[in-house]
Amino acid sequence: MDTKIINNKINEVINSDQFKELQWKVVDDIFSSINTIEFENNDDLKLVMTRIRDTFIAGLNYESAKQFLNLAKSGAV
C-alpha cells in the first residue's frame, strides 16, 4: 500500500476529535487520581508518571499486536 495513503489514514485518526478526547480523558483521569497525593519531591511525581505511561504504552502495544495478528489471520495483511 502507498505510504501516503497509510500516513493520511494515521493523520485522520490522530487528528480526530475522538482521539483528542480520549487523550484528554486519560490525562484527566490520571491527574484527578493523583492530585491528592503529597509528593515529597519531583522524583516521586516522575516515578508515578513514568509507571503510568509505561504501563499504558505496554497495554496499547499488546492490544495493537493482538489486532494485527487477527488481521494477519484473516488474510488482510
PDB file of N, CA and C in Angstrom:
ATOM      1  N   MET A   1       0.846  -1.171   0.000  1.00  0.00           N
ATOM      2  CA  MET A   1       0.000   0.000   0.000  1.00  0.00           C
ATOM      3  C   MET A   1       0.897   1.242   0.000  1.00  0.00           C
ATOM      4  N   ASP A   2       0.444   2.253  -0.650  1.00  0.00           N
ATOM      5  CA  ASP A   2       1.186   3.505  -0.744  1.00  0.00           C
ATOM      6  C   ASP A   2       1.355   4.138   0.642  1.00  0.00           C
ATOM      7  N   THR A   3       2.576   4.529   0.959  1.00  0.00           N
ATOM      8  CA  THR A   3       2.877   5.138   2.255  1.00  0.00           C
ATOM      9  C   THR A   3       2.034   6.382   2.495  1.00  0.00           C
ATOM     10  N   LYS A   4       1.771   7.142   1.462  1.00  0.00           N
ATOM     11  CA  LYS A   4       0.968   8.359   1.615  1.00  0.00           C
ATOM     12  C   LYS A   4      -0.447   8.017   2.079  1.00  0.00           C
ATOM     13  N   ILE A   5      -1.007   6.944   1.565  1.00  0.00           N
ATOM     14  CA  ILE A   5      -2.345   6.525   1.986  1.00  0.00           C
ATOM     15  C   ILE A   5      -2.333   6.133   3.458  1.00  0.00           C
ATOM     16  N   ILE A   6      -1.308   5.374   3.850  1.00  0.00           N
ATOM     17  CA  ILE A   6      -1.194   4.954   5.257  1.00  0.00           C
ATOM     18  C   ILE A   6      -1.039   6.170   6.158  1.00  0.00           C
ATOM     19  N   ASN A   7      -0.156   7.104   5.802  1.00  0.00           N
ATOM     20  CA  ASN A   7       0.047   8.313   6.617  1.00  0.00           C
ATOM     21  C   ASN A   7      -1.209   9.163   6.682  1.00  0.00           C
ATOM     22  N   ASN A   8      -1.939   9.260   5.600  1.00  0.00           N
ATOM     23  CA  ASN A   8      -3.192  10.023   5.605  1.00  0.00           C
ATOM     24  C   ASN A   8      -4.197   9.404   6.568  1.00  0.00           C
ATOM     25  N   LYS A   9      -4.271   8.075   6.583  1.00  0.00           N
ATOM     26  CA  LYS A   9      -5.186   7.394   7.497  1.00  0.00           C
ATOM     27  C   LYS A   9      -4.771   7.620   8.946  1.00  0.00           C
ATOM     28  N   ILE A  10      -3.468   7.505   9.218  1.00  0.00           N
ATOM     29  CA  ILE A  10      -2.969   7.755  10.570  1.00  0.00           C
ATOM     30  C   ILE A  10      -3.287   9.184  10.998  1.00  0.00           C
ATOM     31  N   ASN A  11      -3.028  10.148  10.127  1.00  0.00           N
ATOM     32  CA  ASN A  11      -3.328  11.550  10.442  1.00  0.00           C
ATOM     33  C   ASN A  11      -4.814  11.763  10.690  1.00  0.00           C
ATOM     34  N   GLU A  12      -5.632  11.078   9.938  1.00  0.00           N
ATOM     35  CA  GLU A  12      -7.081  11.173  10.118  1.00  0.00           C
ATOM     36  C   GLU A  12      -7.480  10.710  11.519  1.00  0.00           C
ATOM     37  N   VAL A  13      -6.858   9.622  11.966  1.00  0.00           N
ATOM     38  CA  VAL A  13      -7.169   9.089  13.294  1.00  0.00           C
ATOM     39  C   VAL A  13      -6.646  10.009  14.386  1.00  0.00           C
ATOM     40  N   ILE A  14      -5.356  10.393  14.323  1.00  0.00           N
ATOM     41  CA  ILE A  14      -4.769  11.163  15.424  1.00  0.00           C
ATOM     42  C   ILE A  14      -5.247  12.608  15.463  1.00  0.00           C
ATOM     43  N   ASN A  15      -5.836  13.093  14.384  1.00  0.00           N
ATOM     44  CA  ASN A  15      -6.377  14.453  14.383  1.00  0.00           C
ATOM     45  C   ASN A  15      -7.873  14.483  14.656  1.00  0.00           C
ATOM     46  N   SER A  16      -8.467  13.313  14.887  1.00  0.00           N
ATOM     47  CA  SER A  16      -9.905  13.256  15.116  1.00  0.00           C
ATOM     48  C   SER A  16     -10.258  13.761  16.510  1.00  0.00           C
ATOM     49  N   ASP A  17     -11.471  14.257  16.641  1.00  0.00           N
ATOM     50  CA  ASP A  17     -11.949  14.707  17.950  1.00  0.00           C
ATOM     51  C   ASP A  17     -11.988  13.540  18.935  1.00  0.00           C
ATOM     52  N   GLN A  18     -12.354  12.368  18.467  1.00  0.00           N
ATOM     53  CA  GLN A  18     -12.427  11.201  19.332  1.00  0.00           C
ATOM     54  C   GLN A  18     -11.063  10.871  19.936  1.00  0.00           C
ATOM     55  N   PHE A  19     -10.011  10.930  19.129  1.00  0.00           N
ATOM     56  CA  PHE A  19      -8.656  10.652  19.611  1.00  0.00           C
ATOM     57  C   PHE A  19      -8.225  11.696  20.635  1.00  0.00           C
ATOM     58  N   LYS A  20      -8.480  12.970  20.336  1.00  0.00           N
ATOM     59  CA  LYS A  20      -8.104  14.047  21.255  1.00  0.00           C
ATOM     60  C   LYS A  20      -8.883  13.951  22.562  1.00  0.00           C
ATOM     61  N   GLU A  21     -10.164  13.592  22.483  1.00  0.00           N
ATOM     62  CA  GLU A  21     -10.971  13.431  23.695  1.00  0.00           C
ATOM     63  C   GLU A  21     -10.464  12.264  24.535  1.00  0.00           C
ATOM     64  N   LEU A  22     -10.042  11.192  23.873  1.00  0.00           N
ATOM     65  CA  LEU A  22      -9.503  10.042  24.591  1.00  0.00           C
ATOM     66  C   LEU A  22      -8.220  10.415  25.322  1.00  0.00           C
ATOM     67  N   GLN A  23      -7.338  11.158  24.650  1.00  0.00           N
ATOM     68  CA  GLN A  23      -6.106  11.611  25.299  1.00  0.00           C
ATOM     69  C   GLN A  23      -6.437  12.470  26.515  1.00  0.00           C
ATOM     70  N   TRP A  24      -7.359  13.402  26.358  1.00  0.00           N
ATOM     71  CA  TRP A  24      -7.730  14.285  27.452  1.00  0.00           C
ATOM     72  C   TRP A  24      -8.307  13.485  28.609  1.00  0.00           C
ATOM     73  N   LYS A  25      -9.168  12.507  28.300  1.00  0.00           N
ATOM     74  CA  LYS A  25      -9.787  11.711  29.361  1.00  0.00           C
ATOM     75  C   LYS A  25      -8.745  10.922  30.143  1.00  0.00           C
ATOM     76  N   VAL A  26      -7.790  10.318  29.447  1.00  0.00           N
ATOM     77  CA  VAL A  26      -6.745   9.551  30.135  1.00  0.00           C
ATOM     78  C   VAL A  26      -5.939  10.472  31.054  1.00  0.00           C
ATOM     79  N   VAL A  27      -5.514  11.608  30.545  1.00  0.00           N
ATOM     80  CA  VAL A  27      -4.723  12.551  31.347  1.00  0.00           C
ATOM     81  C   VAL A  27      -5.547  13.062  32.527  1.00  0.00           C
ATOM     82  N   ASP A  28      -6.800  13.398  32.279  1.00  0.00           N
ATOM     83  CA  ASP A  28      -7.664  13.890  33.352  1.00  0.00           C
ATOM     84  C   ASP A  28      -7.858  12.826  34.427  1.00  0.00           C
ATOM     85  N   ASP A  29      -8.085  11.590  34.020  1.00  0.00           N
ATOM     86  CA  ASP A  29      -8.249  10.502  34.993  1.00  0.00           C
ATOM     87  C   ASP A  29      -6.990  10.301  35.827  1.00  0.00           C
ATOM     88  N   ILE A  30      -5.843  10.354  35.164  1.00  0.00           N
ATOM     89  CA  ILE A  30      -4.576  10.174  35.881  1.00  0.00           C
ATOM     90  C   ILE A  30      -4.386  11.273  36.911  1.00  0.00           C
ATOM     91  N   PHE A  31      -4.506  12.516  36.487  1.00  0.00           N
ATOM     92  CA  PHE A  31      -4.231  13.614  37.401  1.00  0.00           C
ATOM     93  C   PHE A  31      -5.300  13.774  38.470  1.00  0.00           C
ATOM     94  N   SER A  32      -6.534  13.443  38.165  1.00  0.00           N
ATOM     95  CA  SER A  32      -7.561  13.553  39.200  1.00  0.00           C
ATOM     96  C   SER A  32      -7.368  12.490  40.270  1.00  0.00           C
ATOM     97  N   SER A  33      -6.721  11.370  39.910  1.00  0.00           N
ATOM     98  CA  SER A  33      -6.499  10.330  40.911  1.00  0.00           C
ATOM     99  C   SER A  33      -5.213  10.540  41.710  1.00  0.00           C
ATOM    100  N   ILE A  34      -4.302  11.365  41.218  1.00  0.00           N
ATOM    101  CA  ILE A  34      -3.056  11.582  41.973  1.00  0.00           C
ATOM    102  C   ILE A  34      -2.960  12.979  42.575  1.00  0.00           C
ATOM    103  N   ASN A  35      -3.945  13.824  42.339  1.00  0.00           N
ATOM    104  CA  ASN A  35      -3.820  15.204  42.824  1.00  0.00           C
ATOM    105  C   ASN A  35      -3.958  15.326  44.339  1.00  0.00           C
ATOM    106  N   THR A  36      -4.346  14.254  45.007  1.00  0.00           N
ATOM    107  CA  THR A  36      -4.449  14.308  46.474  1.00  0.00           C
ATOM    108  C   THR A  36      -3.187  13.773  47.161  1.00  0.00           C
ATOM    109  N   ILE A  37      -2.271  13.228  46.366  1.00  0.00           N
ATOM    110  CA  ILE A  37      -1.033  12.689  46.931  1.00  0.00           C
ATOM    111  C   ILE A  37      -0.065  13.836  47.201  1.00  0.00           C
ATOM    112  N   GLU A  38       0.532  13.825  48.364  1.00  0.00           N
ATOM    113  CA  GLU A  38       1.528  14.839  48.690  1.00  0.00           C
ATOM    114  C   GLU A  38       2.912  14.279  48.364  1.00  0.00           C
ATOM    115  N   PHE A  39       3.425  14.659  47.219  1.00  0.00           N
ATOM    116  CA  PHE A  39       4.731  14.185  46.790  1.00  0.00           C
ATOM    117  C   PHE A  39       5.823  14.939  47.535  1.00  0.00           C
ATOM    118  N   GLU A  40       6.858  14.222  47.921  1.00  0.00           N
ATOM    119  CA  GLU A  40       7.962  14.852  48.647  1.00  0.00           C
ATOM    120  C   GLU A  40       8.864  15.638  47.713  1.00  0.00           C
ATOM    121  N   ASN A  41       8.984  15.170  46.461  1.00  0.00           N
ATOM    122  CA  ASN A  41       9.835  15.880  45.508  1.00  0.00           C
ATOM    123  C   ASN A  41       9.420  15.504  44.087  1.00  0.00           C
ATOM    124  N   ASN A  42      10.069  16.108  43.119  1.00  0.00           N
ATOM    125  CA  ASN A  42       9.736  15.860  41.718  1.00  0.00           C
ATOM    126  C   ASN A  42      10.017  14.427  41.299  1.00  0.00           C
ATOM    127  N   ASP A  43      10.992  13.796  41.941  1.00  0.00           N
ATOM    128  CA  ASP A  43      11.298  12.410  41.593  1.00  0.00           C
ATOM    129  C   ASP A  43      10.120  11.483  41.885  1.00  0.00           C
ATOM    130  N   ASP A  44       9.389  11.758  42.965  1.00  0.00           N
ATOM    131  CA  ASP A  44       8.202  10.956  43.287  1.00  0.00           C
ATOM    132  C   ASP A  44       7.156  11.090  42.178  1.00  0.00           C
ATOM    133  N   LEU A  45       6.935  12.304  41.746  1.00  0.00           N
ATOM    134  CA  LEU A  45       5.956  12.551  40.685  1.00  0.00           C
ATOM    135  C   LEU A  45       6.418  11.914  39.373  1.00  0.00           C
ATOM    136  N   LYS A  46       7.700  12.028  39.080  1.00  0.00           N
ATOM    137  CA  LYS A  46       8.245  11.412  37.862  1.00  0.00           C
ATOM    138  C   LYS A  46       8.062   9.900  37.885  1.00  0.00           C
ATOM    139  N   LEU A  47       8.263   9.292  39.055  1.00  0.00           N
ATOM    140  CA  LEU A  47       8.086   7.850  39.188  1.00  0.00           C
ATOM    141  C   LEU A  47       6.645   7.457  38.875  1.00  0.00           C
ATOM    142  N   VAL A  48       5.697   8.166  39.441  1.00  0.00           N
ATOM    143  CA  VAL A  48       4.282   7.861  39.200  1.00  0.00           C
ATOM    144  C   VAL A  48       3.959   8.005  37.719  1.00  0.00           C
ATOM    145  N   MET A  49       4.362   9.104  37.131  1.00  0.00           N
ATOM    146  CA  MET A  49       4.035   9.363  35.730  1.00  0.00           C
ATOM    147  C   MET A  49       4.739   8.367  34.801  1.00  0.00           C
ATOM    148  N   THR A  50       5.962   7.998  35.117  1.00  0.00           N
ATOM    149  CA  THR A  50       6.689   7.032  34.295  1.00  0.00           C
ATOM    150  C   THR A  50       6.023   5.670  34.359  1.00  0.00           C
ATOM    151  N   ARG A  51       5.647   5.241  35.549  1.00  0.00           N
ATOM    152  CA  ARG A  51       4.979   3.944  35.695  1.00  0.00           C
ATOM    153  C   ARG A  51       3.657   3.921  34.954  1.00  0.00           C
ATOM    154  N   ILE A  52       2.861   4.988  35.086  1.00  0.00           N
ATOM    155  CA  ILE A  52       1.566   5.037  34.406  1.00  0.00           C
ATOM    156  C   ILE A  52       1.776   5.049  32.893  1.00  0.00           C
ATOM    157  N   ARG A  53       2.685   5.875  32.414  1.00  0.00           N
ATOM    158  CA  ARG A  53       2.954   5.964  30.975  1.00  0.00           C
ATOM    159  C   ARG A  53       3.435   4.638  30.420  1.00  0.00           C
ATOM    160  N   ASP A  54       4.403   4.019  31.085  1.00  0.00           N
ATOM    161  CA  ASP A  54       4.962   2.762  30.591  1.00  0.00           C
ATOM    162  C   ASP A  54       3.918   1.654  30.566  1.00  0.00           C
ATOM    163  N   THR A  55       3.093   1.588  31.598  1.00  0.00           N
ATOM    164  CA  THR A  55       2.050   0.570  31.654  1.00  0.00           C
ATOM    165  C   THR A  55       1.002   0.807  30.577  1.00  0.00           C
ATOM    166  N   PHE A  56       0.639   2.065  30.373  1.00  0.00           N
ATOM    167  CA  PHE A  56      -0.340   2.403  29.335  1.00  0.00           C
ATOM    168  C   PHE A  56       0.191   2.027  27.957  1.00  0.00           C
ATOM    169  N   ILE A  57       1.432   2.382  27.682  1.00  0.00           N
ATOM    170  CA  ILE A  57       2.032   2.090  26.381  1.00  0.00           C
ATOM    171  C   ILE A  57       2.177   0.585  26.181  1.00  0.00           C
ATOM    172  N   ALA A  58       2.590  -0.134  27.208  1.00  0.00           N
ATOM    173  CA  ALA A  58       2.722  -1.591  27.089  1.00  0.00           C
ATOM    174  C   ALA A  58       1.367  -2.228  26.787  1.00  0.00           C
ATOM    175  N   GLY A  59       0.347  -1.770  27.454  1.00  0.00           N
ATOM    176  CA  GLY A  59      -1.002  -2.291  27.199  1.00  0.00           C
ATOM    177  C   GLY A  59      -1.487  -1.958  25.797  1.00  0.00           C
ATOM    178  N   LEU A  60      -1.208  -0.748  25.354  1.00  0.00           N
ATOM    179  CA  LEU A  60      -1.581  -0.338  23.996  1.00  0.00           C
ATOM    180  C   LEU A  60      -0.844  -1.180  22.961  1.00  0.00           C
ATOM    181  N   ASN A  61       0.439  -1.406  23.178  1.00  0.00           N
ATOM    182  CA  ASN A  61       1.222  -2.249  22.269  1.00  0.00           C
ATOM    183  C   ASN A  61       0.687  -3.673  22.238  1.00  0.00           C
ATOM    184  N   TYR A  62       0.337  -4.209  23.392  1.00  0.00           N
ATOM    185  CA  TYR A  62      -0.184  -5.574  23.479  1.00  0.00           C
ATOM    186  C   TYR A  62      -1.510  -5.696  22.721  1.00  0.00           C
ATOM    187  N   GLU A  63      -2.421  -4.771  22.982  1.00  0.00           N
ATOM    188  CA  GLU A  63      -3.725  -4.812  22.315  1.00  0.00           C
ATOM    189  C   GLU A  63      -3.576  -4.598  20.810  1.00  0.00           C
ATOM    190  N   SER A  64      -2.663  -3.723  20.407  1.00  0.00           N
ATOM    191  CA  SER A  64      -2.415  -3.492  18.984  1.00  0.00           C
ATOM    192  C   SER A  64      -1.845  -4.744  18.318  1.00  0.00           C
ATOM    193  N   ALA A  65      -0.943  -5.421  18.999  1.00  0.00           N
ATOM    194  CA  ALA A  65      -0.364  -6.656  18.457  1.00  0.00           C
ATOM    195  C   ALA A  65      -1.440  -7.718  18.271  1.00  0.00           C
ATOM    196  N   LYS A  66      -2.366  -7.826  19.225  1.00  0.00           N
ATOM    197  CA  LYS A  66      -3.459  -8.787  19.083  1.00  0.00           C
ATOM    198  C   LYS A  66      -4.310  -8.459  17.859  1.00  0.00           C
ATOM    199  N   GLN A  67      -4.591  -7.174  17.657  1.00  0.00           N
ATOM    200  CA  GLN A  67      -5.393  -6.776  16.500  1.00  0.00           C
ATOM    201  C   GLN A  67      -4.643  -7.072  15.198  1.00  0.00           C
ATOM    202  N   PHE A  68      -3.348  -6.812  15.185  1.00  0.00           N
ATOM    203  CA  PHE A  68      -2.548  -7.079  13.996  1.00  0.00           C
ATOM    204  C   PHE A  68      -2.557  -8.577  13.687  1.00  0.00           C
ATOM    205  N   LEU A  69      -2.419  -9.412  14.704  1.00  0.00           N
ATOM    206  CA  LEU A  69      -2.443 -10.859  14.494  1.00  0.00           C
ATOM    207  C   LEU A  69      -3.805 -11.300  13.962  1.00  0.00           C
ATOM    208  N   ASN A  70      -4.869 -10.695  14.448  1.00  0.00           N
ATOM    209  CA  ASN A  70      -6.203 -11.011  13.931  1.00  0.00           C
ATOM    210  C   ASN A  70      -6.312 -10.633  12.456  1.00  0.00           C
ATOM    211  N   LEU A  71      -5.753  -9.482  12.089  1.00  0.00           N
ATOM    212  CA  LEU A  71      -5.751  -9.079  10.686  1.00  0.00           C
ATOM    213  C   LEU A  71      -4.940 -10.062   9.840  1.00  0.00           C
ATOM    214  N   ALA A  72      -3.793 -10.469  10.372  1.00  0.00           N
ATOM    215  CA  ALA A  72      -2.944 -11.406   9.645  1.00  0.00           C
ATOM    216  C   ALA A  72      -3.642 -12.753   9.453  1.00  0.00           C
ATOM    217  N   LYS A  73      -4.329 -13.218  10.475  1.00  0.00           N
ATOM    218  CA  LYS A  73      -5.036 -14.490  10.384  1.00  0.00           C
ATOM    219  C   LYS A  73      -6.181 -14.435   9.383  1.00  0.00           C
ATOM    220  N   SER A  74      -6.808 -13.246   9.279  1.00  0.00           N
ATOM    221  CA  SER A  74      -7.942 -13.107   8.364  1.00  0.00           C
ATOM    222  C   SER A  74      -7.490 -12.922   6.920  1.00  0.00           C
ATOM    223  N   GLY A  75      -6.182 -12.770   6.729  1.00  0.00           N
ATOM    224  CA  GLY A  75      -5.653 -12.601   5.392  1.00  0.00           C
ATOM    225  C   GLY A  75      -5.638 -11.169   4.901  1.00  0.00           C
ATOM    226  N   ALA A  76      -5.978 -10.230   5.787  1.00  0.00           N
ATOM    227  CA  ALA A  76      -5.994  -8.810   5.405  1.00  0.00           C
ATOM    228  C   ALA A  76      -4.589  -8.240   5.286  1.00  0.00           C
ATOM    229  N   VAL A  77      -3.614  -8.913   5.909  1.00  0.00           N
ATOM    230  CA  VAL A  77      -2.229  -8.440   5.860  1.00  0.00           C
ATOM    231  C   VAL A  77      -1.381  -9.453   5.146  1.00  0.00           C
TER     232      VAL A  77
END
